Structure formats: structure tokens, C-alpha cells
N, C-alpha and C. Protein backbone atom coordinates (compact mmCIF):
# COMPACT_ATOMS: atom_id res chain seq x y z
N UNK A 1 66.68 119.84 174.83
CA UNK A 1 67.29 119.82 173.51
C UNK A 1 66.21 119.45 172.49
N UNK A 2 66.18 120.16 171.37
CA UNK A 2 65.22 119.90 170.31
C UNK A 2 65.69 118.71 169.47
N UNK A 3 64.74 117.87 169.01
CA UNK A 3 65.14 116.75 168.15
C UNK A 3 65.64 117.27 166.80
N UNK A 4 66.59 116.58 166.24
CA UNK A 4 67.16 116.95 164.95
C UNK A 4 66.34 116.30 163.85
N UNK A 5 65.82 117.10 162.90
CA UNK A 5 65.09 116.58 161.75
C UNK A 5 66.04 116.53 160.56
N UNK A 6 66.14 115.38 159.94
CA UNK A 6 67.04 115.20 158.81
C UNK A 6 66.23 114.85 157.59
N UNK A 7 66.40 115.59 156.51
CA UNK A 7 65.71 115.30 155.26
C UNK A 7 66.49 114.23 154.51
N UNK A 8 65.79 113.18 154.10
CA UNK A 8 66.45 112.09 153.39
C UNK A 8 65.72 111.80 152.09
N UNK A 9 66.41 111.20 151.14
CA UNK A 9 65.80 110.72 149.91
C UNK A 9 65.69 109.22 150.02
N UNK A 10 64.87 108.61 149.18
CA UNK A 10 64.73 107.17 149.24
C UNK A 10 64.06 106.64 148.00
N UNK A 11 63.61 105.40 148.10
CA UNK A 11 62.82 104.81 147.04
C UNK A 11 61.77 103.93 147.68
N UNK A 12 60.68 103.71 146.99
CA UNK A 12 59.60 102.89 147.51
C UNK A 12 58.33 103.18 146.74
N UNK A 13 57.23 102.86 147.36
CA UNK A 13 55.96 103.10 146.70
C UNK A 13 54.81 103.02 147.68
N UNK A 14 53.70 103.64 147.30
CA UNK A 14 52.51 103.67 148.14
C UNK A 14 51.27 103.47 147.28
N UNK A 15 50.26 102.88 147.86
CA UNK A 15 48.94 102.79 147.26
C UNK A 15 47.93 103.26 148.29
N UNK A 16 47.00 104.11 147.90
CA UNK A 16 46.06 104.69 148.85
C UNK A 16 44.63 104.62 148.36
N UNK A 17 43.72 104.48 149.29
CA UNK A 17 42.30 104.76 149.09
C UNK A 17 42.12 106.23 149.46
N UNK A 18 41.41 106.98 148.63
CA UNK A 18 41.20 108.41 148.88
C UNK A 18 39.74 108.69 149.19
N UNK A 19 39.50 109.39 150.26
CA UNK A 19 38.18 109.92 150.58
C UNK A 19 38.32 111.43 150.55
N UNK A 20 37.62 112.08 149.62
CA UNK A 20 37.85 113.50 149.36
C UNK A 20 36.60 114.33 149.57
N UNK A 21 36.84 115.56 149.92
CA UNK A 21 35.81 116.59 149.91
C UNK A 21 36.22 117.54 148.80
N UNK A 22 35.37 117.65 147.75
CA UNK A 22 35.71 118.45 146.56
C UNK A 22 34.66 119.52 146.34
N UNK A 23 35.13 120.62 145.79
CA UNK A 23 34.27 121.78 145.56
C UNK A 23 34.32 122.15 144.08
N UNK A 24 33.64 121.36 143.21
CA UNK A 24 33.68 121.63 141.76
C UNK A 24 32.98 122.95 141.44
N UNK A 25 33.32 123.52 140.31
CA UNK A 25 32.77 124.81 139.87
C UNK A 25 31.44 124.58 139.16
N UNK A 26 30.36 124.44 139.94
CA UNK A 26 29.06 124.06 139.38
C UNK A 26 27.92 124.97 139.83
N UNK A 27 28.21 126.17 140.31
CA UNK A 27 27.13 127.03 140.81
C UNK A 27 26.14 127.41 139.71
N UNK A 28 26.64 127.73 138.50
CA UNK A 28 25.72 128.08 137.40
C UNK A 28 24.88 126.87 136.99
N UNK A 29 25.49 125.69 136.96
CA UNK A 29 24.75 124.47 136.64
C UNK A 29 23.69 124.19 137.69
N UNK A 30 24.03 124.36 138.96
CA UNK A 30 23.08 124.14 140.04
C UNK A 30 21.89 125.08 139.93
N UNK A 31 22.16 126.36 139.65
CA UNK A 31 21.08 127.34 139.50
C UNK A 31 20.19 126.99 138.30
N UNK A 32 20.81 126.57 137.21
CA UNK A 32 20.06 126.19 136.00
C UNK A 32 19.13 125.01 136.30
N UNK A 33 19.67 123.96 136.94
CA UNK A 33 18.85 122.79 137.27
C UNK A 33 17.73 123.14 138.23
N UNK A 34 18.02 123.97 139.22
CA UNK A 34 16.99 124.42 140.16
C UNK A 34 15.88 125.17 139.44
N UNK A 35 16.26 126.10 138.54
CA UNK A 35 15.26 126.89 137.81
C UNK A 35 14.40 126.03 136.90
N UNK A 36 14.92 124.90 136.43
CA UNK A 36 14.17 123.99 135.55
C UNK A 36 13.39 122.95 136.35
N UNK A 37 13.47 122.98 137.69
CA UNK A 37 12.69 122.08 138.53
C UNK A 37 13.35 120.74 138.83
N UNK A 38 14.66 120.62 138.63
CA UNK A 38 15.34 119.35 138.88
C UNK A 38 16.05 119.29 140.23
N UNK A 39 15.92 120.28 141.04
CA UNK A 39 16.61 120.29 142.32
C UNK A 39 17.91 121.06 142.22
N UNK A 40 18.52 121.26 143.37
CA UNK A 40 19.74 122.06 143.45
C UNK A 40 20.90 121.17 143.88
N UNK A 41 22.07 121.41 143.31
CA UNK A 41 23.26 120.68 143.69
C UNK A 41 23.94 121.37 144.87
N UNK A 42 24.54 120.55 145.73
CA UNK A 42 25.33 121.12 146.81
C UNK A 42 26.59 121.74 146.21
N UNK A 43 27.24 122.60 146.93
CA UNK A 43 28.48 123.22 146.47
C UNK A 43 29.70 122.34 146.68
N UNK A 44 29.49 121.18 147.28
CA UNK A 44 30.60 120.25 147.53
C UNK A 44 30.12 118.83 147.30
N UNK A 45 31.06 117.94 147.06
CA UNK A 45 30.75 116.53 146.90
C UNK A 45 31.79 115.70 147.63
N UNK A 46 31.38 114.55 148.07
CA UNK A 46 32.32 113.56 148.59
C UNK A 46 32.78 112.74 147.39
N UNK A 47 34.04 112.46 147.34
CA UNK A 47 34.62 111.70 146.23
C UNK A 47 35.39 110.53 146.80
N UNK A 48 35.30 109.39 146.13
CA UNK A 48 36.12 108.24 146.52
C UNK A 48 36.99 107.85 145.33
N UNK A 49 38.10 107.24 145.61
CA UNK A 49 38.98 106.84 144.53
C UNK A 49 40.23 106.19 145.08
N UNK A 50 41.22 106.13 144.24
CA UNK A 50 42.48 105.53 144.63
C UNK A 50 43.65 106.23 143.99
N UNK A 51 44.81 106.03 144.55
CA UNK A 51 46.04 106.59 143.99
C UNK A 51 47.18 105.61 144.25
N UNK A 52 48.14 105.66 143.38
CA UNK A 52 49.32 104.84 143.54
C UNK A 52 50.51 105.56 142.95
N UNK A 53 51.65 105.43 143.58
CA UNK A 53 52.84 106.10 143.07
C UNK A 53 54.10 105.45 143.61
N UNK A 54 55.14 105.66 142.86
CA UNK A 54 56.47 105.22 143.27
C UNK A 54 57.33 106.43 143.58
N UNK A 55 58.30 106.24 144.46
CA UNK A 55 59.23 107.30 144.82
C UNK A 55 60.64 106.81 144.49
N UNK A 56 61.36 107.59 143.69
CA UNK A 56 62.75 107.29 143.35
C UNK A 56 63.55 108.52 143.73
N UNK A 57 64.48 108.34 144.68
CA UNK A 57 65.20 109.48 145.26
C UNK A 57 64.18 110.43 145.85
N UNK A 58 63.96 111.58 145.25
CA UNK A 58 62.97 112.52 145.77
C UNK A 58 61.83 112.77 144.79
N UNK A 59 61.76 112.01 143.70
CA UNK A 59 60.74 112.21 142.68
C UNK A 59 59.62 111.19 142.83
N UNK A 60 58.40 111.67 142.79
CA UNK A 60 57.20 110.84 142.91
C UNK A 60 56.54 110.78 141.53
N UNK A 61 56.17 109.57 141.08
CA UNK A 61 55.48 109.40 139.80
C UNK A 61 54.33 108.42 140.01
N UNK A 62 53.14 108.76 139.52
CA UNK A 62 52.01 107.86 139.71
C UNK A 62 50.75 108.35 139.04
N UNK A 63 49.63 107.92 139.58
CA UNK A 63 48.33 108.29 139.03
C UNK A 63 47.25 108.17 140.08
N UNK A 64 46.10 108.75 139.75
CA UNK A 64 44.95 108.68 140.66
C UNK A 64 43.67 108.81 139.86
N UNK A 65 42.59 108.42 140.46
CA UNK A 65 41.29 108.53 139.82
C UNK A 65 40.19 108.36 140.83
N UNK A 66 38.99 108.74 140.43
CA UNK A 66 37.86 108.59 141.34
C UNK A 66 36.61 109.18 140.76
N UNK A 67 35.54 109.08 141.53
CA UNK A 67 34.27 109.66 141.10
C UNK A 67 33.56 110.25 142.30
N UNK A 68 32.74 111.26 142.03
CA UNK A 68 31.99 111.95 143.05
C UNK A 68 30.75 111.14 143.41
N UNK A 69 30.34 111.23 144.67
CA UNK A 69 29.11 110.58 145.11
C UNK A 69 28.28 111.61 145.87
N UNK A 70 27.00 111.32 146.02
CA UNK A 70 26.15 112.14 146.85
C UNK A 70 25.52 113.34 146.19
N UNK A 71 25.37 113.34 144.86
CA UNK A 71 24.72 114.46 144.18
C UNK A 71 23.24 114.46 144.55
N UNK A 72 22.68 115.66 144.75
CA UNK A 72 21.26 115.73 145.09
C UNK A 72 20.38 115.57 143.86
N UNK A 73 20.94 115.78 142.68
CA UNK A 73 20.21 115.47 141.45
C UNK A 73 20.59 114.04 141.11
N UNK A 74 19.66 113.13 141.16
CA UNK A 74 19.96 111.70 141.15
C UNK A 74 20.62 111.20 139.88
N UNK A 75 20.59 111.96 138.82
CA UNK A 75 21.13 111.44 137.57
C UNK A 75 22.43 112.13 137.15
N UNK A 76 23.15 112.71 138.09
CA UNK A 76 24.39 113.38 137.74
C UNK A 76 25.58 112.59 138.28
N UNK A 77 26.64 112.54 137.50
CA UNK A 77 27.88 111.95 137.99
C UNK A 77 29.04 112.82 137.56
N UNK A 78 30.08 112.83 138.37
CA UNK A 78 31.29 113.57 138.07
C UNK A 78 32.46 112.61 138.24
N UNK A 79 33.39 112.61 137.29
CA UNK A 79 34.53 111.71 137.35
C UNK A 79 35.81 112.47 137.08
N UNK A 80 36.94 111.90 137.54
CA UNK A 80 38.22 112.55 137.32
C UNK A 80 39.34 111.51 137.31
N UNK A 81 40.37 111.78 136.54
CA UNK A 81 41.58 110.97 136.53
C UNK A 81 42.77 111.91 136.35
N UNK A 82 43.93 111.49 136.80
CA UNK A 82 45.12 112.35 136.65
C UNK A 82 46.38 111.51 136.69
N UNK A 83 47.38 111.96 135.97
CA UNK A 83 48.74 111.46 136.07
C UNK A 83 49.47 112.46 136.95
N UNK A 84 50.22 111.98 137.92
CA UNK A 84 50.84 112.90 138.86
C UNK A 84 52.35 112.74 138.90
N UNK A 85 53.00 113.83 139.19
CA UNK A 85 54.43 113.84 139.43
C UNK A 85 54.65 114.77 140.62
N UNK A 86 55.54 114.39 141.49
CA UNK A 86 55.75 115.20 142.67
C UNK A 86 57.19 115.18 143.12
N UNK A 87 57.43 115.87 144.20
CA UNK A 87 58.78 115.97 144.74
C UNK A 87 58.69 115.78 146.25
N UNK A 88 59.53 114.91 146.76
CA UNK A 88 59.59 114.64 148.19
C UNK A 88 60.31 115.82 148.86
N UNK A 89 59.55 116.68 149.50
CA UNK A 89 60.12 117.89 150.12
C UNK A 89 60.82 117.56 151.43
N UNK A 90 60.27 116.57 152.16
CA UNK A 90 60.85 116.18 153.45
C UNK A 90 60.47 114.74 153.74
N UNK A 91 61.37 114.00 154.34
CA UNK A 91 61.06 112.65 154.81
C UNK A 91 62.03 112.27 155.92
N UNK A 92 61.49 111.62 156.93
CA UNK A 92 62.34 110.98 157.93
C UNK A 92 62.00 109.48 158.00
N UNK A 93 61.51 108.97 156.88
CA UNK A 93 61.09 107.57 156.66
C UNK A 93 59.74 107.25 157.29
N UNK A 94 59.32 107.94 158.33
CA UNK A 94 57.99 107.73 158.91
C UNK A 94 57.02 108.82 158.46
N UNK A 95 57.48 110.05 158.39
CA UNK A 95 56.66 111.16 157.92
C UNK A 95 57.21 111.64 156.59
N UNK A 96 56.32 111.76 155.61
CA UNK A 96 56.71 112.20 154.27
C UNK A 96 55.85 113.40 153.88
N UNK A 97 56.49 114.38 153.24
CA UNK A 97 55.78 115.58 152.81
C UNK A 97 56.14 115.85 151.35
N UNK A 98 55.11 115.94 150.48
CA UNK A 98 55.31 116.06 149.04
C UNK A 98 54.65 117.32 148.49
N UNK A 99 55.22 117.85 147.44
CA UNK A 99 54.56 118.80 146.56
C UNK A 99 54.20 118.03 145.29
N UNK A 100 52.96 118.12 144.82
CA UNK A 100 52.49 117.28 143.71
C UNK A 100 51.83 118.14 142.63
N UNK A 101 52.18 117.86 141.38
CA UNK A 101 51.51 118.44 140.22
C UNK A 101 50.86 117.31 139.44
N UNK A 102 49.72 117.57 138.83
CA UNK A 102 49.04 116.54 138.06
C UNK A 102 48.37 117.12 136.84
N UNK A 103 48.20 116.28 135.83
CA UNK A 103 47.43 116.65 134.65
C UNK A 103 46.54 115.47 134.32
N UNK A 104 45.31 115.77 133.96
CA UNK A 104 44.37 114.70 133.67
C UNK A 104 43.10 115.27 133.09
N UNK A 105 42.00 114.68 133.47
CA UNK A 105 40.72 115.13 132.95
C UNK A 105 39.62 114.94 133.97
N UNK A 106 38.55 115.66 133.76
CA UNK A 106 37.38 115.54 134.61
C UNK A 106 36.14 115.73 133.77
N UNK A 107 35.04 115.13 134.18
CA UNK A 107 33.80 115.29 133.42
C UNK A 107 32.60 115.34 134.35
N UNK A 108 31.59 116.03 133.88
CA UNK A 108 30.29 116.08 134.52
C UNK A 108 29.32 115.45 133.52
N UNK A 109 28.61 114.43 133.95
CA UNK A 109 27.67 113.72 133.07
C UNK A 109 26.27 113.79 133.66
N UNK A 110 25.33 114.22 132.86
CA UNK A 110 23.94 114.32 133.31
C UNK A 110 23.08 113.48 132.38
N UNK A 111 22.24 112.64 132.97
CA UNK A 111 21.28 111.84 132.21
C UNK A 111 19.89 112.14 132.75
N UNK A 112 19.04 112.64 131.89
CA UNK A 112 17.64 112.89 132.25
C UNK A 112 16.81 111.72 131.75
N UNK A 113 16.04 111.14 132.65
CA UNK A 113 15.22 109.96 132.31
C UNK A 113 13.77 110.26 132.65
N UNK A 114 12.91 110.07 131.68
CA UNK A 114 11.47 110.29 131.88
C UNK A 114 10.95 109.31 132.93
N UNK A 115 10.12 109.82 133.87
CA UNK A 115 9.50 108.93 134.85
C UNK A 115 8.68 107.87 134.14
N UNK A 116 8.72 106.65 134.66
CA UNK A 116 8.02 105.54 134.01
C UNK A 116 7.30 104.74 135.08
N UNK A 117 6.03 104.42 134.82
CA UNK A 117 5.25 103.64 135.79
C UNK A 117 4.59 102.42 135.15
N UNK A 118 4.97 102.08 133.92
CA UNK A 118 4.38 100.93 133.24
C UNK A 118 5.01 99.62 133.69
N UNK A 119 4.69 98.56 132.96
CA UNK A 119 5.22 97.24 133.29
C UNK A 119 6.64 97.08 132.76
N UNK A 120 7.31 96.06 133.25
CA UNK A 120 8.68 95.75 132.82
C UNK A 120 8.71 95.49 131.32
N UNK A 121 7.79 94.66 130.83
CA UNK A 121 7.76 94.31 129.41
C UNK A 121 7.48 95.52 128.52
N UNK A 122 6.54 96.37 128.92
CA UNK A 122 6.19 97.51 128.06
C UNK A 122 7.31 98.55 128.03
N UNK A 123 8.18 98.55 129.01
CA UNK A 123 9.32 99.47 128.98
C UNK A 123 10.26 99.15 127.81
N UNK A 124 10.30 97.89 127.40
CA UNK A 124 11.16 97.50 126.28
C UNK A 124 10.48 97.72 124.93
N UNK A 125 9.15 97.77 124.94
CA UNK A 125 8.40 98.04 123.72
C UNK A 125 8.34 99.55 123.48
N UNK A 126 8.06 100.31 124.51
CA UNK A 126 7.96 101.77 124.44
C UNK A 126 8.80 102.37 125.57
N UNK A 127 10.13 102.41 125.40
CA UNK A 127 10.99 102.86 126.50
C UNK A 127 10.81 104.34 126.81
N UNK A 128 11.08 104.72 128.07
CA UNK A 128 11.00 106.14 128.42
C UNK A 128 12.09 106.94 127.71
N UNK A 129 11.82 108.22 127.48
CA UNK A 129 12.80 109.07 126.81
C UNK A 129 13.96 109.39 127.75
N UNK A 130 15.15 109.53 127.16
CA UNK A 130 16.32 109.94 127.92
C UNK A 130 17.09 110.98 127.13
N UNK A 131 17.84 111.80 127.85
CA UNK A 131 18.76 112.77 127.23
C UNK A 131 20.05 112.74 128.04
N UNK A 132 21.19 112.66 127.35
CA UNK A 132 22.48 112.60 128.03
C UNK A 132 23.32 113.80 127.63
N UNK A 133 23.94 114.42 128.63
CA UNK A 133 24.80 115.57 128.42
C UNK A 133 26.13 115.31 129.13
N UNK A 134 27.20 115.73 128.51
CA UNK A 134 28.53 115.54 129.11
C UNK A 134 29.33 116.83 128.96
N UNK A 135 30.06 117.18 130.00
CA UNK A 135 30.93 118.35 130.01
C UNK A 135 32.29 117.89 130.51
N UNK A 136 33.26 117.79 129.61
CA UNK A 136 34.59 117.33 130.00
C UNK A 136 35.64 118.40 129.79
N UNK A 137 36.72 118.31 130.54
CA UNK A 137 37.82 119.26 130.38
C UNK A 137 39.11 118.64 130.89
N UNK A 138 40.22 119.21 130.45
CA UNK A 138 41.50 118.86 131.04
C UNK A 138 41.59 119.52 132.41
N UNK A 139 42.28 118.86 133.33
CA UNK A 139 42.49 119.42 134.66
C UNK A 139 43.98 119.47 134.96
N UNK A 140 44.43 120.60 135.46
CA UNK A 140 45.79 120.72 135.99
C UNK A 140 45.63 120.95 137.48
N UNK A 141 46.38 120.19 138.28
CA UNK A 141 46.21 120.33 139.72
C UNK A 141 47.54 120.49 140.42
N UNK A 142 47.49 121.17 141.54
CA UNK A 142 48.64 121.34 142.41
C UNK A 142 48.18 121.01 143.83
N UNK A 143 49.01 120.27 144.56
CA UNK A 143 48.62 119.89 145.92
C UNK A 143 49.84 119.68 146.80
N UNK A 144 49.58 119.68 148.09
CA UNK A 144 50.56 119.32 149.10
C UNK A 144 50.03 118.12 149.84
N UNK A 145 50.89 117.14 150.11
CA UNK A 145 50.47 115.91 150.79
C UNK A 145 51.45 115.58 151.90
N UNK A 146 50.91 115.24 153.04
CA UNK A 146 51.72 114.73 154.14
C UNK A 146 51.16 113.40 154.57
N UNK A 147 52.03 112.41 154.80
CA UNK A 147 51.55 111.12 155.29
C UNK A 147 52.52 110.55 156.32
N UNK A 148 51.95 109.74 157.19
CA UNK A 148 52.70 109.04 158.22
C UNK A 148 52.66 107.56 157.89
N UNK A 149 53.82 106.92 157.87
CA UNK A 149 53.90 105.49 157.55
C UNK A 149 54.47 104.75 158.75
N UNK A 150 53.80 103.66 159.12
CA UNK A 150 54.25 102.85 160.24
C UNK A 150 53.95 101.39 159.93
N UNK A 151 54.98 100.57 159.88
CA UNK A 151 54.86 99.13 159.62
C UNK A 151 54.08 98.84 158.33
N UNK A 152 54.33 99.61 157.30
CA UNK A 152 53.70 99.38 156.01
C UNK A 152 52.34 100.02 155.82
N UNK A 153 51.76 100.58 156.88
CA UNK A 153 50.48 101.28 156.78
C UNK A 153 50.74 102.77 156.65
N UNK A 154 49.88 103.44 155.91
CA UNK A 154 50.08 104.86 155.64
C UNK A 154 48.76 105.61 155.82
N UNK A 155 48.82 106.75 156.49
CA UNK A 155 47.67 107.60 156.71
C UNK A 155 48.11 109.04 156.44
N UNK A 156 47.31 109.78 155.65
CA UNK A 156 47.75 111.13 155.32
C UNK A 156 46.64 112.06 154.94
N UNK A 157 47.06 113.25 154.57
CA UNK A 157 46.16 114.33 154.18
C UNK A 157 46.74 115.03 152.97
N UNK A 158 45.87 115.36 152.01
CA UNK A 158 46.29 116.09 150.81
C UNK A 158 45.33 117.26 150.61
N UNK A 159 45.88 118.43 150.31
CA UNK A 159 45.06 119.61 150.05
C UNK A 159 45.57 120.25 148.76
N UNK A 160 44.63 120.72 147.92
CA UNK A 160 45.07 121.30 146.66
C UNK A 160 43.95 121.94 145.87
N UNK A 161 44.27 122.23 144.61
CA UNK A 161 43.32 122.88 143.71
C UNK A 161 43.49 122.30 142.31
N UNK A 162 42.36 122.01 141.64
CA UNK A 162 42.36 121.58 140.23
C UNK A 162 41.80 122.70 139.39
N UNK A 163 42.48 123.03 138.31
CA UNK A 163 42.03 124.09 137.41
C UNK A 163 41.64 123.47 136.07
N UNK A 164 40.44 123.76 135.60
CA UNK A 164 39.95 123.21 134.33
C UNK A 164 40.45 124.04 133.16
N UNK A 165 40.86 123.34 132.09
CA UNK A 165 41.29 123.99 130.85
C UNK A 165 40.40 123.53 129.72
N UNK A 166 39.82 124.48 129.00
CA UNK A 166 38.99 124.13 127.84
C UNK A 166 37.76 123.35 128.23
N UNK A 167 37.29 122.57 127.31
CA UNK A 167 36.13 121.72 127.55
C UNK A 167 34.82 122.45 127.34
N UNK A 168 33.76 121.80 127.67
CA UNK A 168 32.42 122.34 127.53
C UNK A 168 31.43 121.21 127.29
N UNK A 169 30.18 121.57 127.15
CA UNK A 169 29.12 120.59 126.95
C UNK A 169 29.19 119.98 125.55
N UNK A 170 28.71 118.75 125.43
CA UNK A 170 28.68 118.07 124.13
C UNK A 170 27.49 118.53 123.27
N UNK A 171 26.76 119.53 123.72
CA UNK A 171 25.66 120.14 122.97
C UNK A 171 25.88 121.65 122.99
N UNK A 172 25.19 122.38 122.12
CA UNK A 172 25.33 123.83 122.06
C UNK A 172 24.69 124.46 123.30
N UNK A 173 25.39 125.42 123.89
CA UNK A 173 24.87 126.12 125.05
C UNK A 173 25.12 125.36 126.34
N UNK A 174 24.40 125.75 127.36
CA UNK A 174 24.54 125.13 128.67
C UNK A 174 25.29 126.03 129.63
N UNK A 175 25.00 125.91 130.92
CA UNK A 175 25.65 126.74 131.92
C UNK A 175 27.11 126.33 132.12
N UNK A 176 27.92 127.29 132.58
CA UNK A 176 29.32 126.97 132.85
C UNK A 176 29.40 125.99 134.01
N UNK A 177 30.31 125.01 133.88
CA UNK A 177 30.53 124.01 134.93
C UNK A 177 31.84 123.31 134.66
N UNK A 178 32.52 122.91 135.71
CA UNK A 178 33.73 122.10 135.55
C UNK A 178 33.96 121.28 136.81
N UNK A 179 34.69 120.17 136.64
CA UNK A 179 35.03 119.31 137.77
C UNK A 179 36.21 119.88 138.56
N UNK A 180 36.78 121.00 138.13
CA UNK A 180 37.90 121.62 138.83
C UNK A 180 37.44 122.36 140.07
N UNK A 181 38.39 122.65 140.96
CA UNK A 181 38.11 123.40 142.18
C UNK A 181 38.98 122.91 143.32
N UNK A 182 38.83 123.48 144.52
CA UNK A 182 39.63 123.06 145.67
C UNK A 182 39.22 121.66 146.14
N UNK A 183 40.15 120.98 146.82
CA UNK A 183 39.85 119.66 147.36
C UNK A 183 40.68 119.38 148.61
N UNK A 184 40.17 118.45 149.41
CA UNK A 184 40.84 117.98 150.62
C UNK A 184 40.68 116.47 150.65
N UNK A 185 41.77 115.72 150.69
CA UNK A 185 41.73 114.25 150.68
C UNK A 185 42.24 113.69 152.00
N UNK A 186 41.57 112.68 152.48
CA UNK A 186 42.12 111.80 153.53
C UNK A 186 42.58 110.55 152.79
N UNK A 187 43.82 110.15 153.00
CA UNK A 187 44.36 109.00 152.28
C UNK A 187 44.75 107.92 153.28
N UNK A 188 44.35 106.69 152.97
CA UNK A 188 44.64 105.53 153.81
C UNK A 188 45.17 104.43 152.90
N UNK A 189 46.27 103.83 153.24
CA UNK A 189 46.81 102.77 152.38
C UNK A 189 48.03 102.14 152.99
N UNK A 190 48.94 101.81 152.10
CA UNK A 190 50.15 101.14 152.56
C UNK A 190 51.29 101.34 151.60
N UNK A 191 52.46 100.98 152.07
CA UNK A 191 53.66 101.08 151.27
C UNK A 191 54.86 101.37 152.11
N UNK A 192 55.99 101.49 151.47
CA UNK A 192 57.25 101.74 152.19
C UNK A 192 58.08 102.77 151.46
N UNK A 193 58.86 103.49 152.20
CA UNK A 193 59.90 104.36 151.66
C UNK A 193 61.19 103.91 152.32
N UNK A 194 62.12 103.40 151.51
CA UNK A 194 63.38 102.86 152.05
C UNK A 194 64.48 103.89 152.00
């Protein structure tokens, strides 16, 4: 006999640490940096962050944020934040499956710093030159998340896509780039669904 799966609604909340593999749209930026002698960016980044949300009946409301790590160009950073709303598609109190939509923002920040080999004191008298560039945009994302909860601990997987809207560099010109793209998250945390 097959076990009977029953879909239930509930209320509760979860908080998670997110470890993500993200594929931002940066191929033109990577080629540009390589051609200028600054090295090449990988097509993917590891991202860390956190998320938290509450569940009321079948509706999920919360937020998430994080930043990318491991860029091969040492002075680049990518950040993202989002407000999320979702729907509990299935739950048996131990396994939960959600459809999630989010809106937020993402940015790519590049700081070029002139190499410096002088003394500590002379750096404050004649500091090295720097140039800062930022490319921000709104992000709309859609994802599916499944998690298993046992005794207040939660482990899950989220897969989705972020699409960038508008944005651009804070200076004229520059290669196309955005923090949007496909992603895969491993989520570890805690919470309950009653």
C-alpha cells in the first residue's frame, strides 16, 4: 500500500543560512577586464547570506540578502537583497515545498586601487589613486524551495532565476553586467511549521 500524502496549511517561521552557487550575467564585464589586463572573472560565484520568513496558512512572507565571494579580480564585489513572498504548495509538517517570488536589488561594485609600495606614513601624505564603479539594478526572482524540518532544524534546497530590470554603471559607458541570473541555494537553519 502506498503512503497517503496530505497537503496541509499552517503557520510558523524559519530562518536560514544560505550557501549559493550563482551565475550572474557578467561575461562582457569579464572579457573587458581581461582585455585591460585585470584578469578574468569566473562565470559563477559562491554567495553567502541569510533568509527569514513567516508562514501564515499557505502564504510565505520574508526577506533575504547576501554577497558574492571568490571573485578572481580582487577588487570586485557583488551584493543582493530581496523581499520575498511565496506560497506553500505542499507540506506534511516535516517536508515543505514552496513557490517563491521576490523583488529587490543587486549591485556589482568595482574598486581599482593603484599598487603602492611606500611607507605607511607616506600613504597618508600621497595616497594611491583609486577609481570606484557601481552597477546596480532591480531584481525580480522566481524560485522553488523544498526543505525538511526535524526537531526545529531545517535543511533544504532552492533553485531559481533572478532577472535584472534597468540599472547600469554610475559612469558613462561600460560593458553590460548584472547580478541577475540562475542560482542554486543550500539552506540550513531552523524553525517550525505548526
